[in-house]
């Protein structure tokens, strides 16, 4: 590693470099291959350097999971900004969620790991994990305003759409359906659910 690169790491880029390397290792080799010493070698720093940012392997895993939820949130915000209506946001959002899972299978499994669900132990992870759900709720609220729906239970509606997309994504991960079919099913399913809300409102 060049002295210029080493200097840049000392100025705050090492953490991001380690997380990027961890994501690569995670998707290629699985969570079992992740180690701080291994990442140090991959990035090109001393074996002790990563410990300045992650005190242990569990802290690294939490940080990687947080980065996954942040990436999912950014992709959801991009869908929102590119959609003309809330209906389109929700339909494309279902496709987007499924695509994220299919394209990041090991990251997704880490994000959903039972070992990392303790809200008291991992408050930063909990905050990151709730942002995509909040964005989904805001989109459903926008749908209600745009269409004059008066009787939507926003939280239940959000769970319904998330459950639909999540279940289809798991089928794709398990090899029961193809990724392409999963995204079509996700979009069509979301459209059908939203149509049902229209009839009930």
N, C-alpha and C. Protein backbone atom coordinates (compact mmCIF):
# COMPACT_ATOMS: atom_id res chain seq x y z
N UNK A 1 0.84 -1.19 0.00
CA UNK A 1 0.00 0.00 0.00
C UNK A 1 0.87 1.23 0.00
N UNK A 2 0.56 2.24 -0.82
CA UNK A 2 1.37 3.44 -0.92
C UNK A 2 1.24 4.27 0.35
N UNK A 3 2.26 5.12 0.59
CA UNK A 3 2.21 6.00 1.77
C UNK A 3 1.06 6.98 1.65
N UNK A 4 0.73 7.38 0.41
CA UNK A 4 -0.40 8.30 0.21
C UNK A 4 -1.71 7.63 0.61
N UNK A 5 -1.88 6.34 0.24
CA UNK A 5 -3.08 5.63 0.62
C UNK A 5 -3.15 5.45 2.12
N UNK A 6 -2.01 5.11 2.72
CA UNK A 6 -1.99 4.93 4.17
C UNK A 6 -2.38 6.22 4.87
N UNK A 7 -1.90 7.34 4.37
CA UNK A 7 -2.23 8.63 4.96
C UNK A 7 -3.73 8.89 4.87
N UNK A 8 -4.34 8.55 3.71
CA UNK A 8 -5.77 8.79 3.55
C UNK A 8 -6.56 7.95 4.53
N UNK A 9 -6.10 6.72 4.79
CA UNK A 9 -6.79 5.87 5.75
C UNK A 9 -6.74 6.50 7.14
N UNK A 10 -5.59 7.06 7.48
CA UNK A 10 -5.48 7.69 8.80
C UNK A 10 -6.41 8.88 8.93
N UNK A 11 -6.85 9.43 7.81
CA UNK A 11 -7.75 10.58 7.84
C UNK A 11 -9.21 10.16 7.76
N UNK A 12 -9.49 8.90 7.99
CA UNK A 12 -10.90 8.52 8.16
C UNK A 12 -11.49 7.61 7.12
N UNK A 13 -10.71 7.20 6.11
CA UNK A 13 -11.28 6.37 5.07
C UNK A 13 -11.14 4.87 5.34
N UNK A 14 -10.36 4.51 6.35
CA UNK A 14 -10.12 3.09 6.58
C UNK A 14 -11.41 2.36 6.93
N UNK A 15 -12.25 2.96 7.74
CA UNK A 15 -13.49 2.30 8.13
C UNK A 15 -14.33 1.95 6.90
N UNK A 16 -14.45 2.93 5.98
CA UNK A 16 -15.24 2.69 4.78
C UNK A 16 -14.59 1.63 3.90
N UNK A 17 -13.25 1.66 3.83
CA UNK A 17 -12.54 0.67 3.02
C UNK A 17 -12.74 -0.73 3.59
N UNK A 18 -12.71 -0.85 4.90
CA UNK A 18 -12.92 -2.15 5.54
C UNK A 18 -14.34 -2.65 5.32
N UNK A 19 -15.32 -1.75 5.42
CA UNK A 19 -16.71 -2.16 5.19
C UNK A 19 -16.92 -2.60 3.75
N UNK A 20 -16.33 -1.87 2.82
CA UNK A 20 -16.46 -2.25 1.42
C UNK A 20 -15.84 -3.61 1.16
N UNK A 21 -14.67 -3.83 1.74
CA UNK A 21 -14.00 -5.12 1.59
C UNK A 21 -14.81 -6.22 2.25
N UNK A 22 -15.39 -5.91 3.40
CA UNK A 22 -16.21 -6.91 4.11
C UNK A 22 -17.42 -7.32 3.29
N UNK A 23 -18.05 -6.35 2.63
CA UNK A 23 -19.21 -6.67 1.79
C UNK A 23 -18.79 -7.60 0.64
N UNK A 24 -17.63 -7.35 0.06
CA UNK A 24 -17.14 -8.19 -1.04
C UNK A 24 -16.89 -9.62 -0.56
N UNK A 25 -16.21 -9.74 0.58
CA UNK A 25 -15.91 -11.07 1.13
C UNK A 25 -17.20 -11.78 1.51
N UNK A 26 -18.12 -11.05 2.12
CA UNK A 26 -19.38 -11.62 2.56
C UNK A 26 -20.14 -12.24 1.40
N UNK A 27 -20.27 -11.53 0.30
CA UNK A 27 -21.04 -12.04 -0.83
C UNK A 27 -20.31 -13.16 -1.56
N UNK A 28 -19.00 -13.10 -1.56
CA UNK A 28 -18.25 -14.11 -2.31
C UNK A 28 -18.06 -15.40 -1.50
N UNK A 29 -17.82 -15.26 -0.18
CA UNK A 29 -17.42 -16.42 0.61
C UNK A 29 -18.33 -16.71 1.81
N UNK A 30 -19.24 -15.79 2.13
CA UNK A 30 -20.12 -16.01 3.26
C UNK A 30 -19.61 -15.38 4.54
N UNK A 31 -20.49 -15.30 5.52
CA UNK A 31 -20.17 -14.60 6.76
C UNK A 31 -19.04 -15.28 7.52
N UNK A 32 -18.92 -16.58 7.38
CA UNK A 32 -17.87 -17.29 8.09
C UNK A 32 -16.47 -16.87 7.68
N UNK A 33 -16.33 -16.28 6.50
CA UNK A 33 -15.01 -15.87 6.01
C UNK A 33 -14.59 -14.49 6.51
N UNK A 34 -15.48 -13.80 7.19
CA UNK A 34 -15.17 -12.44 7.64
C UNK A 34 -14.33 -12.47 8.91
N UNK A 35 -13.19 -11.80 8.86
CA UNK A 35 -12.35 -11.62 10.05
C UNK A 35 -11.64 -10.28 9.93
N UNK A 36 -11.36 -9.67 11.05
CA UNK A 36 -10.68 -8.38 11.03
C UNK A 36 -9.27 -8.51 10.48
N UNK A 37 -8.57 -9.55 10.83
CA UNK A 37 -7.22 -9.74 10.32
C UNK A 37 -7.24 -10.00 8.80
N UNK A 38 -8.20 -10.78 8.36
CA UNK A 38 -8.30 -11.03 6.93
C UNK A 38 -8.61 -9.77 6.15
N UNK A 39 -9.48 -8.92 6.69
CA UNK A 39 -9.79 -7.66 6.02
C UNK A 39 -8.59 -6.72 6.02
N UNK A 40 -7.81 -6.75 7.10
CA UNK A 40 -6.60 -5.92 7.15
C UNK A 40 -5.67 -6.31 6.01
N UNK A 41 -5.49 -7.60 5.81
CA UNK A 41 -4.62 -8.05 4.72
C UNK A 41 -5.20 -7.64 3.37
N UNK A 42 -6.50 -7.77 3.22
CA UNK A 42 -7.13 -7.44 1.94
C UNK A 42 -7.00 -5.96 1.62
N UNK A 43 -7.17 -5.11 2.62
CA UNK A 43 -7.10 -3.66 2.42
C UNK A 43 -5.65 -3.19 2.35
N UNK A 44 -4.74 -3.90 3.03
CA UNK A 44 -3.33 -3.54 2.98
C UNK A 44 -2.87 -2.69 4.14
N UNK A 45 -3.41 -2.96 5.33
CA UNK A 45 -2.98 -2.23 6.53
C UNK A 45 -2.51 -3.25 7.56
N UNK A 46 -1.97 -2.76 8.66
CA UNK A 46 -1.50 -3.66 9.71
C UNK A 46 -2.69 -4.43 10.29
N UNK A 47 -2.41 -5.59 10.85
CA UNK A 47 -3.49 -6.43 11.36
C UNK A 47 -4.20 -5.79 12.54
N UNK A 48 -3.57 -4.82 13.18
CA UNK A 48 -4.20 -4.16 14.32
C UNK A 48 -5.02 -2.94 13.91
N UNK A 49 -4.81 -2.43 12.71
CA UNK A 49 -5.48 -1.18 12.30
C UNK A 49 -7.00 -1.28 12.35
N UNK A 50 -7.63 -2.37 11.90
CA UNK A 50 -9.10 -2.42 11.94
C UNK A 50 -9.69 -2.32 13.35
N UNK A 51 -8.90 -2.69 14.36
CA UNK A 51 -9.42 -2.67 15.73
C UNK A 51 -9.65 -1.25 16.24
N UNK A 52 -9.10 -0.27 15.56
CA UNK A 52 -9.38 1.13 15.92
C UNK A 52 -10.82 1.51 15.57
N UNK A 53 -11.42 0.77 14.64
CA UNK A 53 -12.78 1.07 14.18
C UNK A 53 -13.79 0.02 14.64
N UNK A 54 -13.33 -1.23 14.80
CA UNK A 54 -14.21 -2.32 15.20
C UNK A 54 -13.51 -3.09 16.32
N UNK A 55 -13.98 -2.98 17.54
CA UNK A 55 -13.28 -3.63 18.66
C UNK A 55 -13.24 -5.15 18.57
N UNK A 56 -14.22 -5.73 17.86
CA UNK A 56 -14.22 -7.18 17.70
C UNK A 56 -15.02 -7.54 16.45
N UNK A 57 -15.06 -8.83 16.15
CA UNK A 57 -15.73 -9.29 14.93
C UNK A 57 -17.22 -8.98 14.97
N UNK A 58 -17.86 -9.10 16.13
CA UNK A 58 -19.30 -8.82 16.21
C UNK A 58 -19.57 -7.36 15.85
N UNK A 59 -18.72 -6.45 16.30
CA UNK A 59 -18.89 -5.04 15.95
C UNK A 59 -18.78 -4.85 14.44
N UNK A 60 -17.89 -5.59 13.80
CA UNK A 60 -17.78 -5.53 12.35
C UNK A 60 -19.06 -6.00 11.69
N UNK A 61 -19.60 -7.13 12.15
CA UNK A 61 -20.83 -7.67 11.56
C UNK A 61 -21.99 -6.69 11.72
N UNK A 62 -22.08 -6.07 12.89
CA UNK A 62 -23.14 -5.07 13.10
C UNK A 62 -22.98 -3.92 12.12
N UNK A 63 -21.75 -3.45 11.94
CA UNK A 63 -21.51 -2.33 11.03
C UNK A 63 -21.84 -2.70 9.59
N UNK A 64 -21.51 -3.92 9.19
CA UNK A 64 -21.84 -4.37 7.84
C UNK A 64 -23.35 -4.44 7.66
N UNK A 65 -24.05 -4.96 8.67
CA UNK A 65 -25.52 -5.02 8.60
C UNK A 65 -26.11 -3.62 8.51
N UNK A 66 -25.58 -2.68 9.28
CA UNK A 66 -26.05 -1.30 9.21
C UNK A 66 -25.86 -0.75 7.81
N UNK A 67 -24.69 -1.02 7.22
CA UNK A 67 -24.44 -0.52 5.86
C UNK A 67 -25.42 -1.12 4.87
N UNK A 68 -25.87 -2.35 5.12
CA UNK A 68 -26.87 -2.96 4.26
C UNK A 68 -28.20 -2.25 4.35
N UNK A 69 -28.66 -1.96 5.57
CA UNK A 69 -29.92 -1.25 5.72
C UNK A 69 -29.82 0.16 5.15
N UNK A 70 -28.67 0.79 5.29
CA UNK A 70 -28.50 2.11 4.70
C UNK A 70 -28.56 2.06 3.18
N UNK A 71 -27.97 1.03 2.59
CA UNK A 71 -28.03 0.87 1.14
C UNK A 71 -29.46 0.61 0.68
N UNK A 72 -30.18 -0.22 1.43
CA UNK A 72 -31.59 -0.47 1.10
C UNK A 72 -32.40 0.81 1.18
N UNK A 73 -32.15 1.60 2.22
CA UNK A 73 -32.88 2.85 2.37
C UNK A 73 -32.58 3.81 1.22
N UNK A 74 -31.33 3.92 0.83
CA UNK A 74 -30.99 4.81 -0.27
C UNK A 74 -31.66 4.36 -1.57
N UNK A 75 -31.75 3.07 -1.78
CA UNK A 75 -32.41 2.58 -2.99
C UNK A 75 -33.90 2.87 -2.94
N UNK A 76 -34.51 2.79 -1.75
CA UNK A 76 -35.93 3.10 -1.62
C UNK A 76 -36.17 4.59 -1.88
N UNK A 77 -35.29 5.43 -1.38
CA UNK A 77 -35.44 6.87 -1.61
C UNK A 77 -35.28 7.20 -3.10
N UNK A 78 -34.40 6.47 -3.78
CA UNK A 78 -34.23 6.68 -5.21
C UNK A 78 -35.49 6.31 -5.97
N UNK A 79 -36.12 5.21 -5.59
CA UNK A 79 -37.39 4.81 -6.21
C UNK A 79 -38.44 5.89 -5.99
N UNK A 80 -38.52 6.41 -4.78
CA UNK A 80 -39.50 7.46 -4.47
C UNK A 80 -39.29 8.69 -5.34
N UNK A 81 -38.03 9.10 -5.48
CA UNK A 81 -37.74 10.32 -6.24
C UNK A 81 -37.99 10.14 -7.73
N UNK A 82 -37.92 8.91 -8.21
CA UNK A 82 -38.07 8.65 -9.64
C UNK A 82 -39.50 8.29 -10.04
N UNK A 83 -40.40 8.16 -9.07
CA UNK A 83 -41.77 7.72 -9.36
C UNK A 83 -42.71 8.92 -9.40
N UNK A 84 -43.63 8.88 -10.34
CA UNK A 84 -44.54 10.01 -10.53
C UNK A 84 -45.67 10.01 -9.50
N UNK A 85 -46.05 8.83 -9.01
CA UNK A 85 -47.16 8.73 -8.07
C UNK A 85 -46.78 7.79 -6.93
N UNK A 86 -47.54 7.85 -5.85
CA UNK A 86 -47.30 6.94 -4.73
C UNK A 86 -47.58 5.50 -5.14
N UNK A 87 -48.57 5.29 -6.00
CA UNK A 87 -48.86 3.93 -6.48
C UNK A 87 -47.64 3.35 -7.18
N UNK A 88 -47.05 4.14 -8.06
CA UNK A 88 -45.84 3.69 -8.76
C UNK A 88 -44.70 3.45 -7.78
N UNK A 89 -44.57 4.32 -6.79
CA UNK A 89 -43.53 4.15 -5.77
C UNK A 89 -43.67 2.80 -5.08
N UNK A 90 -44.87 2.45 -4.70
CA UNK A 90 -45.09 1.20 -3.96
C UNK A 90 -44.89 -0.03 -4.84
N UNK A 91 -45.34 0.04 -6.09
CA UNK A 91 -45.16 -1.10 -6.99
C UNK A 91 -43.68 -1.29 -7.32
N UNK A 92 -43.01 -0.20 -7.68
CA UNK A 92 -41.58 -0.30 -7.98
C UNK A 92 -40.78 -0.59 -6.71
N UNK A 93 -41.29 -0.13 -5.58
CA UNK A 93 -40.60 -0.39 -4.33
C UNK A 93 -40.59 -1.88 -4.00
N UNK A 94 -41.66 -2.59 -4.34
CA UNK A 94 -41.70 -4.03 -4.14
C UNK A 94 -40.64 -4.72 -5.00
N UNK A 95 -40.56 -4.32 -6.26
CA UNK A 95 -39.53 -4.85 -7.15
C UNK A 95 -38.14 -4.53 -6.61
N UNK A 96 -37.96 -3.32 -6.13
CA UNK A 96 -36.67 -2.87 -5.64
C UNK A 96 -36.21 -3.70 -4.43
N UNK A 97 -37.14 -3.95 -3.51
CA UNK A 97 -36.80 -4.76 -2.33
C UNK A 97 -36.36 -6.16 -2.74
N UNK A 98 -37.11 -6.77 -3.64
CA UNK A 98 -36.79 -8.12 -4.09
C UNK A 98 -35.45 -8.13 -4.81
N UNK A 99 -35.20 -7.13 -5.64
CA UNK A 99 -33.93 -7.05 -6.36
C UNK A 99 -32.76 -6.90 -5.38
N UNK A 100 -32.96 -6.10 -4.33
CA UNK A 100 -31.91 -5.92 -3.33
C UNK A 100 -31.56 -7.25 -2.67
N UNK A 101 -32.57 -8.00 -2.31
CA UNK A 101 -32.35 -9.30 -1.66
C UNK A 101 -31.63 -10.25 -2.60
N UNK A 102 -32.09 -10.31 -3.84
CA UNK A 102 -31.49 -11.23 -4.81
C UNK A 102 -30.04 -10.86 -5.11
N UNK A 103 -29.76 -9.57 -5.19
CA UNK A 103 -28.42 -9.11 -5.54
C UNK A 103 -27.46 -9.12 -4.36
N UNK A 104 -27.98 -9.22 -3.14
CA UNK A 104 -27.13 -9.19 -1.95
C UNK A 104 -27.56 -10.30 -0.98
N UNK A 105 -27.54 -11.54 -1.42
CA UNK A 105 -28.13 -12.61 -0.59
C UNK A 105 -27.47 -12.79 0.77
N UNK A 106 -26.14 -12.80 0.82
CA UNK A 106 -25.47 -13.01 2.10
C UNK A 106 -25.56 -11.78 3.00
N UNK A 107 -25.54 -10.61 2.40
CA UNK A 107 -25.75 -9.39 3.18
C UNK A 107 -27.15 -9.39 3.77
N UNK A 108 -28.13 -9.76 2.98
CA UNK A 108 -29.51 -9.81 3.46
C UNK A 108 -29.64 -10.79 4.62
N UNK A 109 -29.02 -11.96 4.48
CA UNK A 109 -29.09 -12.95 5.57
C UNK A 109 -28.46 -12.40 6.85
N UNK A 110 -27.37 -11.67 6.71
CA UNK A 110 -26.75 -11.04 7.89
C UNK A 110 -27.68 -10.00 8.49
N UNK A 111 -28.30 -9.18 7.64
CA UNK A 111 -29.22 -8.14 8.12
C UNK A 111 -30.38 -8.75 8.91
N UNK A 112 -30.79 -9.96 8.53
CA UNK A 112 -31.91 -10.62 9.17
C UNK A 112 -31.49 -11.61 10.25
N UNK A 113 -30.21 -11.67 10.55
CA UNK A 113 -29.71 -12.66 11.49
C UNK A 113 -30.31 -12.48 12.89
N UNK A 114 -30.79 -13.55 13.49
CA UNK A 114 -31.34 -13.46 14.85
C UNK A 114 -30.32 -12.98 15.87
N UNK A 115 -29.03 -13.18 15.59
CA UNK A 115 -27.98 -12.76 16.51
C UNK A 115 -27.87 -11.25 16.61
N UNK A 116 -28.45 -10.53 15.65
CA UNK A 116 -28.28 -9.07 15.62
C UNK A 116 -29.59 -8.33 15.84
N UNK A 117 -30.56 -8.97 16.44
CA UNK A 117 -31.87 -8.33 16.59
C UNK A 117 -32.11 -7.72 17.96
N UNK A 118 -31.13 -7.77 18.85
CA UNK A 118 -31.29 -7.22 20.19
C UNK A 118 -31.25 -5.69 20.13
N UNK A 119 -32.41 -5.04 20.25
CA UNK A 119 -32.49 -3.60 20.09
C UNK A 119 -31.70 -2.84 21.15
N UNK A 120 -31.67 -3.38 22.35
CA UNK A 120 -30.94 -2.70 23.42
C UNK A 120 -29.44 -2.80 23.21
N UNK A 121 -29.00 -3.93 22.68
CA UNK A 121 -27.56 -4.13 22.48
C UNK A 121 -27.05 -3.42 21.23
N UNK A 122 -27.91 -3.27 20.22
CA UNK A 122 -27.48 -2.67 18.95
C UNK A 122 -28.43 -1.55 18.52
N UNK A 123 -28.48 -0.45 19.27
CA UNK A 123 -29.43 0.63 18.94
C UNK A 123 -29.19 1.26 17.58
N UNK A 124 -27.92 1.39 17.16
CA UNK A 124 -27.64 1.98 15.84
C UNK A 124 -28.16 1.08 14.72
N UNK A 125 -28.02 -0.22 14.91
CA UNK A 125 -28.55 -1.16 13.93
C UNK A 125 -30.07 -1.08 13.89
N UNK A 126 -30.67 -0.99 15.05
CA UNK A 126 -32.14 -0.89 15.10
C UNK A 126 -32.63 0.36 14.38
N UNK A 127 -31.94 1.49 14.60
CA UNK A 127 -32.34 2.73 13.92
C UNK A 127 -32.22 2.58 12.41
N UNK A 128 -31.12 2.00 11.95
CA UNK A 128 -30.93 1.82 10.50
C UNK A 128 -31.99 0.88 9.93
N UNK A 129 -32.33 -0.15 10.69
CA UNK A 129 -33.30 -1.14 10.20
C UNK A 129 -34.71 -0.58 10.10
N UNK A 130 -35.02 0.43 10.90
CA UNK A 130 -36.38 0.99 10.88
C UNK A 130 -36.58 2.03 9.79
N UNK A 131 -35.52 2.57 9.22
CA UNK A 131 -35.67 3.63 8.22
C UNK A 131 -36.40 3.17 6.97
N UNK A 132 -36.07 2.00 6.38
CA UNK A 132 -36.83 1.55 5.21
C UNK A 132 -38.32 1.37 5.51
N UNK A 133 -38.63 0.88 6.71
CA UNK A 133 -40.05 0.72 7.08
C UNK A 133 -40.74 2.07 7.18
N UNK A 134 -40.06 3.06 7.72
CA UNK A 134 -40.63 4.40 7.81
C UNK A 134 -40.89 4.98 6.43
N UNK A 135 -39.97 4.71 5.51
CA UNK A 135 -40.14 5.20 4.14
C UNK A 135 -41.35 4.54 3.49
N UNK A 136 -41.53 3.25 3.72
CA UNK A 136 -42.69 2.54 3.20
C UNK A 136 -43.98 3.14 3.76
N UNK A 137 -44.01 3.42 5.04
CA UNK A 137 -45.20 4.01 5.65
C UNK A 137 -45.49 5.38 5.06
N UNK A 138 -44.46 6.17 4.85
CA UNK A 138 -44.68 7.50 4.25
C UNK A 138 -45.25 7.38 2.85
N UNK A 139 -44.82 6.37 2.11
CA UNK A 139 -45.34 6.17 0.76
C UNK A 139 -46.81 5.78 0.79
N UNK A 140 -47.19 4.96 1.76
CA UNK A 140 -48.60 4.57 1.89
C UNK A 140 -49.44 5.77 2.33
N UNK A 141 -48.90 6.59 3.19
CA UNK A 141 -49.61 7.82 3.58
C UNK A 141 -49.81 8.73 2.37
N UNK A 142 -48.78 8.81 1.51
CA UNK A 142 -48.91 9.61 0.29
C UNK A 142 -49.96 9.01 -0.64
N UNK A 143 -50.00 7.70 -0.73
CA UNK A 143 -51.03 7.03 -1.53
C UNK A 143 -52.42 7.39 -1.03
N UNK A 144 -52.60 7.38 0.27
CA UNK A 144 -53.89 7.70 0.86
C UNK A 144 -54.30 9.12 0.53
N UNK A 145 -53.34 10.05 0.61
CA UNK A 145 -53.66 11.45 0.28
C UNK A 145 -53.97 11.63 -1.19
N UNK A 146 -53.17 11.00 -2.05
CA UNK A 146 -53.35 11.17 -3.49
C UNK A 146 -54.69 10.63 -3.97
N UNK A 147 -55.18 9.59 -3.32
CA UNK A 147 -56.39 8.92 -3.80
C UNK A 147 -57.60 9.15 -2.92
N UNK A 148 -57.44 9.91 -1.86
CA UNK A 148 -58.57 10.20 -0.99
C UNK A 148 -59.07 9.01 -0.20
N UNK A 149 -58.16 8.06 0.09
CA UNK A 149 -58.56 6.91 0.90
C UNK A 149 -58.79 7.37 2.34
N UNK A 150 -59.85 6.90 2.94
CA UNK A 150 -60.19 7.38 4.28
C UNK A 150 -60.05 6.32 5.36
N UNK A 151 -59.90 5.06 4.98
CA UNK A 151 -59.97 4.01 5.99
C UNK A 151 -58.73 3.10 6.03
N UNK A 152 -57.62 3.55 5.46
CA UNK A 152 -56.44 2.71 5.45
C UNK A 152 -55.80 2.64 6.83
N UNK A 153 -55.49 1.44 7.28
CA UNK A 153 -54.63 1.24 8.45
C UNK A 153 -53.21 1.18 7.92
N UNK A 154 -52.51 2.30 8.03
CA UNK A 154 -51.23 2.45 7.34
C UNK A 154 -50.23 1.39 7.80
N UNK A 155 -50.16 1.14 9.09
CA UNK A 155 -49.19 0.15 9.59
C UNK A 155 -49.50 -1.25 9.08
N UNK A 156 -50.77 -1.62 9.06
CA UNK A 156 -51.14 -2.94 8.54
C UNK A 156 -50.86 -3.04 7.05
N UNK A 157 -51.14 -1.96 6.34
CA UNK A 157 -50.86 -1.95 4.90
C UNK A 157 -49.37 -2.11 4.63
N UNK A 158 -48.55 -1.44 5.43
CA UNK A 158 -47.10 -1.55 5.26
C UNK A 158 -46.63 -2.97 5.51
N UNK A 159 -47.15 -3.60 6.56
CA UNK A 159 -46.78 -4.99 6.85
C UNK A 159 -47.21 -5.93 5.73
N UNK A 160 -48.36 -5.64 5.13
CA UNK A 160 -48.85 -6.48 4.04
C UNK A 160 -47.92 -6.41 2.84
N UNK A 161 -47.55 -5.19 2.43
CA UNK A 161 -46.68 -5.05 1.26
C UNK A 161 -45.29 -5.59 1.55
N UNK A 162 -44.77 -5.32 2.75
CA UNK A 162 -43.45 -5.84 3.09
C UNK A 162 -43.48 -7.36 3.13
N UNK A 163 -44.52 -7.93 3.75
CA UNK A 163 -44.63 -9.38 3.82
C UNK A 163 -44.69 -10.02 2.45
N UNK A 164 -45.42 -9.39 1.54
CA UNK A 164 -45.52 -9.90 0.16
C UNK A 164 -44.15 -9.92 -0.51
N UNK A 165 -43.47 -8.77 -0.48
CA UNK A 165 -42.17 -8.68 -1.14
C UNK A 165 -41.14 -9.58 -0.46
N UNK A 166 -41.17 -9.61 0.86
CA UNK A 166 -40.22 -10.41 1.62
C UNK A 166 -40.40 -11.91 1.31
N UNK A 167 -41.64 -12.35 1.32
CA UNK A 167 -41.90 -13.76 1.05
C UNK A 167 -41.48 -14.18 -0.35
N UNK A 168 -41.76 -13.33 -1.33
CA UNK A 168 -41.36 -13.63 -2.71
C UNK A 168 -39.84 -13.64 -2.83
N UNK A 169 -39.19 -12.70 -2.16
CA UNK A 169 -37.72 -12.65 -2.19
C UNK A 169 -37.12 -13.92 -1.60
N UNK A 170 -37.69 -14.41 -0.51
CA UNK A 170 -37.18 -15.64 0.10
C UNK A 170 -37.35 -16.83 -0.84
N UNK A 171 -38.48 -16.89 -1.54
CA UNK A 171 -38.67 -17.96 -2.53
C UNK A 171 -37.57 -17.92 -3.59
N UNK A 172 -37.20 -16.72 -4.02
CA UNK A 172 -36.13 -16.59 -5.01
C UNK A 172 -34.79 -17.02 -4.41
N UNK A 173 -34.52 -16.61 -3.17
CA UNK A 173 -33.27 -17.00 -2.52
C UNK A 173 -33.17 -18.52 -2.40
N UNK A 174 -34.29 -19.14 -2.12
CA UNK A 174 -34.31 -20.60 -1.94
C UNK A 174 -34.32 -21.35 -3.26
N UNK A 175 -34.34 -20.63 -4.37
CA UNK A 175 -34.32 -21.27 -5.68
C UNK A 175 -35.65 -21.81 -6.14
N UNK A 176 -36.72 -21.43 -5.46
CA UNK A 176 -38.05 -21.91 -5.84
C UNK A 176 -38.58 -21.21 -7.09
N UNK A 177 -38.17 -19.96 -7.28
CA UNK A 177 -38.54 -19.19 -8.47
C UNK A 177 -37.32 -18.42 -8.93
N UNK A 178 -37.34 -17.96 -10.18
CA UNK A 178 -36.21 -17.19 -10.69
C UNK A 178 -36.28 -15.75 -10.19
N UNK A 179 -35.17 -15.07 -10.25
CA UNK A 179 -35.15 -13.67 -9.85
C UNK A 179 -36.07 -12.82 -10.69
N UNK A 180 -36.07 -13.07 -12.00
CA UNK A 180 -36.93 -12.30 -12.89
C UNK A 180 -38.40 -12.53 -12.56
N UNK A 181 -38.77 -13.79 -12.33
CA UNK A 181 -40.15 -14.09 -11.98
C UNK A 181 -40.51 -13.44 -10.64
N UNK A 182 -39.58 -13.44 -9.71
CA UNK A 182 -39.84 -12.87 -8.39
C UNK A 182 -40.18 -11.39 -8.50
N UNK A 183 -39.45 -10.66 -9.32
CA UNK A 183 -39.71 -9.22 -9.42
C UNK A 183 -41.03 -8.94 -10.12
N UNK A 184 -41.39 -9.77 -11.11
CA UNK A 184 -42.70 -9.63 -11.75
C UNK A 184 -43.81 -9.92 -10.76
N UNK A 185 -43.66 -10.99 -10.00
CA UNK A 185 -44.66 -11.33 -9.00
C UNK A 185 -44.78 -10.22 -7.94
N UNK A 186 -43.65 -9.66 -7.54
CA UNK A 186 -43.68 -8.60 -6.55
C UNK A 186 -44.43 -7.38 -7.04
N UNK A 187 -44.17 -6.98 -8.27
CA UNK A 187 -44.85 -5.81 -8.83
C UNK A 187 -46.34 -6.08 -9.01
N UNK A 188 -46.66 -7.23 -9.58
CA UNK A 188 -48.08 -7.57 -9.80
C UNK A 188 -48.82 -7.73 -8.49
N UNK A 189 -48.17 -8.35 -7.52
CA UNK A 189 -48.80 -8.54 -6.23
C UNK A 189 -49.07 -7.22 -5.53
N UNK A 190 -48.10 -6.31 -5.58
CA UNK A 190 -48.30 -5.00 -4.96
C UNK A 190 -49.44 -4.26 -5.64
N UNK A 191 -49.48 -4.32 -6.96
CA UNK A 191 -50.56 -3.65 -7.69
C UNK A 191 -51.92 -4.21 -7.30
N UNK A 192 -52.01 -5.54 -7.14
CA UNK A 192 -53.27 -6.16 -6.77
C UNK A 192 -53.70 -5.76 -5.36
N UNK A 193 -52.74 -5.72 -4.44
CA UNK A 193 -53.05 -5.32 -3.07
C UNK A 193 -53.55 -3.88 -3.01
N UNK A 194 -52.86 -3.00 -3.74
CA UNK A 194 -53.26 -1.59 -3.75
C UNK A 194 -54.64 -1.44 -4.38
N UNK A 195 -54.92 -2.21 -5.42
CA UNK A 195 -56.24 -2.17 -6.03
C UNK A 195 -57.32 -2.58 -5.03
N UNK A 196 -57.00 -3.56 -4.19
CA UNK A 196 -57.94 -3.97 -3.16
C UNK A 196 -58.19 -2.88 -2.15
N UNK A 197 -57.16 -2.12 -1.81
CA UNK A 197 -57.36 -0.99 -0.89
C UNK A 197 -58.31 0.03 -1.50
N UNK A 198 -58.19 0.22 -2.83
CA UNK A 198 -59.06 1.18 -3.49
C UNK A 198 -60.52 0.79 -3.37
N UNK A 199 -60.80 -0.50 -3.50
CA UNK A 199 -62.20 -0.97 -3.40
C UNK A 199 -62.73 -0.85 -1.98
N UNK A 200 -61.82 -0.99 -1.00
CA UNK A 200 -62.27 -0.98 0.40
C UNK A 200 -62.39 0.42 0.99
N UNK A 201 -61.90 1.42 0.27
CA UNK A 201 -61.86 2.77 0.85
C UNK A 201 -63.03 3.62 0.36
